[in-house]
Amino acid sequence: MTTTLTAPAPPRPDRRPRPRGWRAVVRNPRVLTGGLLLALVMLTAVVGPLLLNVGPNDTAVTDRLQPPGADHLLGTDGFGRDQAARLVHALGISLGVATAVTAISVVVALIAGLASAYFPAVDRIVMRVCDALMAIPDILLALAVVAALGPSIRNLIACLAVVAIPGMARTVRATALSVREATYIEAMRGLGASNLRIIVRHILPNAVGPLIVQASAVFSTAIIVEAALSFLGAGVPAPDASLGNLLSDAKEFIYTAWWLTIIPGIGLAVAVLGANLLGDGLADALDPSGHARSGRWRRLVAGTRIPRAHRERNHG
């Protein structure tokens, strides 16, 4: 009689279930860090004007190009305007423009993307328009719209929304198309559910996650493009302060007044970094499959190609 000896099974690693939903969002360190940076910038833009007793466009020729000190916390520019007051005002304008662009883009992209996914006739029209707009580089498209409408904050918001809507609409459409072919959607149709009920109750909730991630990317991009257009003189018109205007005015004094370029640059970097960290954290927390790690899922949401290994793994 022979005895067969079997090796003991290796112990299973203790894998705790990964938190999902909003619990994963609030526990994500990148969400917390990005949210903290954005909250700091917003708090500065809201509380700053209440603490300063000088306006952003008040001039004092005798105090021009004063370095940071007790009288002027962040110094003055070439016209004697207080740089702290102008920076606070500029942060408020940049955040307001980015928020308006993101809100308009989300609403329009939701309507266009859901309609395109569910109605083929609408899809042919909307997607061809999106393809035409996405074929033009973003900054050139924004410059063309501003040149046609004229420089103003309202026109700036409109042109940035036109730039952002096509990519977001395609994201919503792709998500809605994948959900529309699911078995439970076919069952809902068989039970007599209307198209509106299926879209609102079943397709829309599945499109919210990717849309939130891309909205954070649109927010940070809007801050950068607004600053770039204002720097070129096609954004927020003077004498209103924006981050781009501050940097444009400072280029003449880059060697003699360092605070005019360094401080607005830091403000721009902190705002964009906070938005990007928040977006990466949301992508990681809201993607249950884990493809959001290292920013891969966020680039996929933004419309880049799916990696070859990922395609072979899914179809193999």
Protein backbone atom coordinates (compact mmCIF):
# COMPACT_ATOMS: atom_id res chain seq x y z
CA MET A 1 0.00 0.00 0.00
CA THR A 2 1.41 3.32 -1.05
CA THR A 3 0.80 6.59 0.66
CA THR A 4 0.59 9.79 -1.34
CA LEU A 5 1.93 12.84 0.38
CA THR A 6 0.47 16.17 -0.66
CA ALA A 7 2.12 19.46 0.05
CA PRO A 8 0.09 21.83 2.18
CA ALA A 9 -1.63 24.57 0.27
CA PRO A 10 0.12 27.90 0.53
CA PRO A 11 -1.65 30.35 2.81
CA ARG A 12 -3.87 32.81 1.02
CA PRO A 13 -2.78 36.39 1.26
CA ASP A 14 -4.98 38.51 3.45
CA ARG A 15 -6.60 40.75 0.87
CA ARG A 16 -9.06 43.18 2.21
CA PRO A 17 -11.83 44.25 -0.14
CA ARG A 18 -11.07 47.52 -1.82
CA PRO A 19 -13.49 50.26 -0.75
CA ARG A 20 -15.72 51.51 -3.52
CA GLY A 21 -17.99 54.43 -4.22
CA TRP A 22 -17.78 57.62 -2.22
CA ARG A 23 -16.07 55.81 0.65
CA ALA A 24 -13.15 55.15 -1.70
CA VAL A 25 -13.24 58.78 -2.80
CA VAL A 26 -12.89 60.26 0.67
CA ARG A 27 -10.12 57.78 1.56
CA ASN A 28 -8.02 58.40 -1.52
CA PRO A 29 -4.89 60.45 -0.64
CA ARG A 30 -4.78 62.16 -4.05
CA VAL A 31 -8.39 63.27 -3.69
CA LEU A 32 -7.64 64.66 -0.24
CA THR A 33 -4.46 66.43 -1.39
CA GLY A 34 -6.01 67.86 -4.55
CA GLY A 35 -9.16 68.90 -2.72
CA LEU A 36 -7.09 70.60 -0.03
CA LEU A 37 -5.08 72.57 -2.62
CA LEU A 38 -8.22 73.61 -4.51
CA ALA A 39 -9.93 74.56 -1.25
CA LEU A 40 -6.92 76.71 -0.34
CA VAL A 41 -7.07 78.50 -3.69
CA MET A 42 -10.84 79.02 -3.43
CA LEU A 43 -10.55 80.26 0.14
CA THR A 44 -7.90 82.75 -0.95
CA ALA A 45 -10.12 83.99 -3.79
CA VAL A 46 -13.17 84.38 -1.53
CA VAL A 47 -11.67 85.65 1.73
CA GLY A 48 -8.78 87.66 0.22
CA PRO A 49 -10.86 90.64 -1.00
CA LEU A 50 -12.44 90.93 2.46
CA LEU A 51 -9.05 91.17 4.17
CA LEU A 52 -7.40 93.61 1.76
CA ASN A 53 -8.29 97.30 1.90
CA VAL A 54 -7.15 98.07 -1.63
CA GLY A 55 -8.71 97.32 -5.00
CA PRO A 56 -7.03 95.35 -7.78
CA ASN A 57 -6.93 98.37 -10.11
CA ASP A 58 -6.01 101.08 -7.58
CA THR A 59 -2.79 102.74 -8.74
CA ALA A 60 -0.09 104.58 -6.81
CA VAL A 61 2.68 105.79 -9.09
CA THR A 62 4.97 106.57 -6.19
CA ASP A 63 4.81 102.93 -5.03
CA ARG A 64 5.52 101.26 -8.37
CA LEU A 65 7.71 98.11 -8.38
CA GLN A 66 7.86 97.89 -4.59
CA PRO A 67 9.09 94.48 -3.34
CA PRO A 68 6.98 92.43 -0.93
CA GLY A 69 6.84 94.07 2.46
CA ALA A 70 4.62 95.32 5.25
CA ASP A 71 2.80 97.92 3.14
CA HIS A 72 2.30 95.63 0.15
CA LEU A 73 2.29 91.97 1.09
CA LEU A 74 3.21 90.72 -2.41
CA GLY A 75 4.71 93.94 -3.76
CA THR A 76 3.42 96.20 -6.53
CA ASP A 77 3.54 96.15 -10.32
CA GLY A 78 4.73 98.72 -12.84
CA PHE A 79 1.66 100.94 -12.25
CA GLY A 80 1.85 100.79 -8.47
CA ARG A 81 -1.07 98.37 -8.16
CA ASP A 82 -1.06 96.04 -5.17
CA GLN A 83 -0.01 92.60 -6.39
CA ALA A 84 -1.82 90.75 -3.58
CA ALA A 85 -5.15 92.36 -4.49
CA ARG A 86 -4.62 91.60 -8.17
CA LEU A 87 -3.61 87.98 -7.49
CA VAL A 88 -6.69 87.37 -5.34
CA HIS A 89 -8.90 88.92 -8.04
CA ALA A 90 -7.15 86.87 -10.74
CA LEU A 91 -7.67 83.60 -8.84
CA GLY A 92 -11.37 84.40 -8.51
CA ILE A 93 -11.72 85.05 -12.24
CA SER A 94 -9.77 81.93 -13.22
CA LEU A 95 -11.76 79.68 -10.91
CA GLY A 96 -15.03 81.27 -12.01
CA VAL A 97 -14.22 80.78 -15.69
CA ALA A 98 -13.12 77.17 -15.13
CA THR A 99 -16.24 76.38 -13.09
CA ALA A 100 -18.57 77.88 -15.70
CA VAL A 101 -16.81 76.06 -18.54
CA THR A 102 -16.97 72.74 -16.69
CA ALA A 103 -20.66 73.12 -15.80
CA ILE A 104 -21.69 74.07 -19.35
CA SER A 105 -19.58 71.30 -20.86
CA VAL A 106 -21.01 68.63 -18.54
CA VAL A 107 -24.63 69.57 -19.26
CA VAL A 108 -24.22 69.82 -23.03
CA ALA A 109 -22.03 66.70 -23.23
CA LEU A 110 -24.55 64.66 -21.24
CA ILE A 111 -27.41 65.65 -23.54
CA ALA A 112 -25.42 65.21 -26.75
CA GLY A 113 -23.70 61.96 -25.69
CA LEU A 114 -26.83 60.23 -24.43
CA ALA A 115 -28.86 61.30 -27.47
CA SER A 116 -26.09 60.10 -29.80
CA ALA A 117 -25.87 56.71 -28.12
CA TYR A 118 -29.58 56.08 -28.20
CA PHE A 119 -30.72 57.65 -31.48
CA PRO A 120 -28.68 56.77 -34.62
CA ALA A 121 -29.94 59.79 -36.61
CA VAL A 122 -28.71 62.17 -33.91
CA ASP A 123 -25.46 60.21 -33.60
CA ARG A 124 -24.48 60.81 -37.23
CA ILE A 125 -24.88 64.57 -36.87
CA VAL A 126 -23.41 65.09 -33.40
CA MET A 127 -20.38 62.86 -33.87
CA ARG A 128 -19.46 64.43 -37.20
CA VAL A 129 -19.55 67.86 -35.56
CA CYS A 130 -17.41 66.56 -32.69
CA ASP A 131 -14.93 65.02 -35.15
CA ALA A 132 -14.63 68.32 -37.00
CA LEU A 133 -14.02 70.27 -33.78
CA MET A 134 -11.54 67.73 -32.39
CA ALA A 135 -9.54 67.85 -35.63
CA ILE A 136 -8.55 71.45 -34.80
CA PRO A 137 -5.93 71.98 -32.05
CA ASP A 138 -7.55 73.28 -28.88
CA ILE A 139 -5.62 76.53 -28.61
CA LEU A 140 -6.19 77.38 -32.29
CA LEU A 141 -9.90 76.68 -31.98
CA ALA A 142 -10.11 78.86 -28.88
CA LEU A 143 -8.21 81.67 -30.58
CA ALA A 144 -10.52 81.45 -33.62
CA VAL A 145 -13.67 81.66 -31.49
CA VAL A 146 -12.32 84.57 -29.45
CA ALA A 147 -11.22 86.37 -32.62
CA ALA A 148 -14.72 85.98 -34.05
CA LEU A 149 -16.60 87.02 -30.90
CA GLY A 150 -14.13 89.49 -29.37
CA PRO A 151 -12.26 89.34 -26.03
CA SER A 152 -14.53 89.21 -22.97
CA ILE A 153 -15.12 86.87 -20.07
CA ARG A 154 -18.43 85.66 -21.52
CA ASN A 155 -16.91 84.93 -24.91
CA LEU A 156 -13.94 83.25 -23.22
CA ILE A 157 -16.27 80.88 -21.38
CA ALA A 158 -18.13 80.13 -24.61
CA CYS A 159 -14.97 79.34 -26.58
CA LEU A 160 -13.51 77.10 -23.84
CA ALA A 161 -16.82 75.22 -23.62
CA VAL A 162 -16.75 74.66 -27.39
CA VAL A 163 -13.26 73.20 -27.03
CA ALA A 164 -14.21 70.90 -24.13
CA ILE A 165 -17.63 69.58 -25.20
CA PRO A 166 -16.60 67.22 -28.07
CA GLY A 167 -14.30 65.03 -25.96
CA MET A 168 -16.77 64.84 -23.08
CA ALA A 169 -19.65 64.02 -25.42
CA ARG A 170 -17.67 61.14 -26.93
CA THR A 171 -16.92 59.83 -23.43
CA VAL A 172 -20.61 59.84 -22.48
CA ARG A 173 -21.54 58.23 -25.81
CA ALA A 174 -18.98 55.42 -25.41
CA THR A 175 -20.19 54.61 -21.91
CA ALA A 176 -23.84 54.76 -22.91
CA LEU A 177 -23.27 52.49 -25.92
CA SER A 178 -21.70 49.79 -23.75
CA VAL A 179 -24.56 49.96 -21.23
CA ARG A 180 -27.29 50.06 -23.90
CA GLU A 181 -26.37 46.57 -25.12
CA ALA A 182 -26.51 45.02 -21.64
CA THR A 183 -28.96 42.21 -20.97
CA TYR A 184 -30.89 44.04 -18.28
CA ILE A 185 -31.50 46.96 -20.66
CA GLU A 186 -33.05 44.51 -23.15
CA ALA A 187 -35.18 43.16 -20.31
CA MET A 188 -36.34 46.69 -19.47
CA ARG A 189 -37.36 47.22 -23.07
CA GLY A 190 -39.24 43.91 -23.02
CA LEU A 191 -41.12 45.06 -19.93
CA GLY A 192 -42.26 48.17 -21.79
CA ALA A 193 -39.94 50.77 -20.24
CA SER A 194 -39.77 54.00 -22.23
CA ASN A 195 -36.55 55.32 -23.76
CA LEU A 196 -36.54 58.25 -21.35
CA ARG A 197 -36.85 55.98 -18.32
CA ILE A 198 -34.03 53.72 -19.52
CA ILE A 199 -31.75 56.69 -20.20
CA VAL A 200 -32.42 58.46 -16.90
CA ARG A 201 -32.62 55.46 -14.56
CA HIS A 202 -30.04 53.10 -16.03
CA ILE A 203 -27.72 54.67 -18.62
CA LEU A 204 -27.15 58.07 -17.01
CA PRO A 205 -25.85 56.73 -13.64
CA ASN A 206 -23.25 54.61 -15.45
CA ALA A 207 -21.99 57.64 -17.39
CA VAL A 208 -21.55 59.82 -14.32
CA GLY A 209 -18.28 58.25 -13.10
CA PRO A 210 -16.22 58.75 -16.29
CA LEU A 211 -17.80 62.17 -16.77
CA ILE A 212 -16.75 63.34 -13.29
CA VAL A 213 -13.17 62.31 -14.01
CA GLN A 214 -13.08 64.12 -17.33
CA ALA A 215 -14.79 67.16 -15.81
CA SER A 216 -11.85 67.53 -13.43
CA ALA A 217 -9.49 67.39 -16.42
CA VAL A 218 -11.58 70.04 -18.19
CA PHE A 219 -11.44 72.22 -15.06
CA SER A 220 -7.65 72.20 -14.91
CA THR A 221 -7.32 72.61 -18.68
CA ALA A 222 -9.68 75.59 -18.61
CA ILE A 223 -7.45 77.32 -16.05
CA ILE A 224 -4.37 76.79 -18.24
CA VAL A 225 -6.02 77.80 -21.52
CA GLU A 226 -7.61 80.87 -19.92
CA ALA A 227 -4.21 81.93 -18.65
CA ALA A 228 -2.64 81.29 -22.07
CA LEU A 229 -5.30 83.28 -23.94
CA SER A 230 -5.11 86.14 -21.44
CA PHE A 231 -1.32 86.13 -21.76
CA LEU A 232 -1.74 86.52 -25.53
CA GLY A 233 -4.29 89.30 -25.09
CA ALA A 234 -7.26 87.22 -26.29
CA GLY A 235 -8.72 86.32 -22.90
CA VAL A 236 -9.81 88.48 -19.98
CA PRO A 237 -9.56 92.09 -21.19
CA ALA A 238 -7.43 94.60 -19.30
CA PRO A 239 -7.45 96.14 -16.76
CA ASP A 240 -9.21 93.18 -15.11
CA ALA A 241 -6.68 90.89 -13.49
CA SER A 242 -6.27 87.25 -14.48
CA LEU A 243 -3.33 84.91 -14.06
CA GLY A 244 -2.45 85.29 -17.74
CA ASN A 245 -2.68 89.09 -17.57
CA LEU A 246 -0.44 89.19 -14.51
CA LEU A 247 2.21 87.09 -16.23
CA SER A 248 1.91 89.13 -19.42
CA ASP A 249 2.38 92.41 -17.55
CA ALA A 250 5.36 90.97 -15.67
CA LYS A 251 7.41 89.91 -18.69
CA GLU A 252 8.90 93.41 -18.97
CA PHE A 253 10.21 93.22 -15.39
CA ILE A 254 11.28 89.59 -15.27
CA TYR A 255 14.87 90.52 -14.31
CA THR A 256 14.11 93.50 -12.07
CA ALA A 257 10.93 92.47 -10.21
CA TRP A 258 10.96 88.71 -9.61
CA TRP A 259 7.77 88.73 -7.52
CA LEU A 260 5.66 89.74 -10.53
CA THR A 261 6.31 86.42 -12.28
CA ILE A 262 7.06 83.97 -9.45
CA ILE A 263 3.96 84.60 -7.33
CA PRO A 264 1.30 84.36 -10.12
CA GLY A 265 3.15 81.33 -11.47
CA ILE A 266 2.91 79.63 -8.08
CA GLY A 267 -0.80 80.43 -7.89
CA LEU A 268 -1.38 78.95 -11.35
CA ALA A 269 0.67 75.84 -10.54
CA VAL A 270 -1.14 75.19 -7.24
CA ALA A 271 -4.59 75.53 -8.83
CA VAL A 272 -3.76 73.21 -11.74
CA LEU A 273 -1.94 70.70 -9.52
CA GLY A 274 -4.90 70.52 -7.15
CA ALA A 275 -7.34 69.91 -10.00
CA ASN A 276 -5.11 67.24 -11.57
CA LEU A 277 -4.58 65.40 -8.28
CA LEU A 278 -8.29 65.50 -7.60
CA GLY A 279 -9.03 64.09 -11.06
CA ASP A 280 -6.48 61.28 -10.74
CA GLY A 281 -7.83 60.38 -7.33
CA LEU A 282 -11.41 60.32 -8.59
CA ALA A 283 -10.35 58.10 -11.51
CA ASP A 284 -8.71 55.68 -9.09
CA ALA A 285 -11.63 55.67 -6.65
CA LEU A 286 -14.53 55.50 -9.11
CA ASP A 287 -13.08 52.79 -11.37
CA PRO A 288 -13.88 49.40 -9.76
CA SER A 289 -11.70 47.45 -12.25
CA GLY A 290 -8.54 49.21 -11.09
CA HIS A 291 -7.57 50.59 -14.52
CA ALA A 292 -7.30 54.06 -13.06
CA ARG A 293 -3.95 53.40 -11.41
CA SER A 294 -1.03 55.41 -12.74
CA GLY A 295 -3.47 57.61 -14.66
CA ARG A 296 -4.08 54.98 -17.39
CA TRP A 297 -7.85 54.98 -17.07
CA ARG A 298 -7.95 58.76 -17.11
CA ARG A 299 -6.06 58.87 -20.39
CA LEU A 300 -8.43 56.25 -21.76
CA VAL A 301 -11.40 58.39 -20.72
CA ALA A 302 -9.81 61.36 -22.45
CA GLY A 303 -9.98 59.51 -25.77
CA THR A 304 -6.57 57.87 -26.20
CA ARG A 305 -6.09 54.38 -27.62
CA ILE A 306 -6.58 51.31 -25.46
CA PRO A 307 -3.22 49.60 -24.82
CA ARG A 308 -2.64 46.49 -26.94
CA ALA A 309 -2.09 44.21 -23.96
CA HIS A 310 -5.37 45.38 -22.47
CA ARG A 311 -7.25 44.64 -25.72
CA GLU A 312 -5.73 41.16 -26.01
CA ARG A 313 -6.55 40.37 -22.38
CA ASN A 314 -10.20 41.41 -22.81
CA HIS A 315 -10.74 39.63 -26.14
CA GLY A 316 -8.55 36.64 -25.54
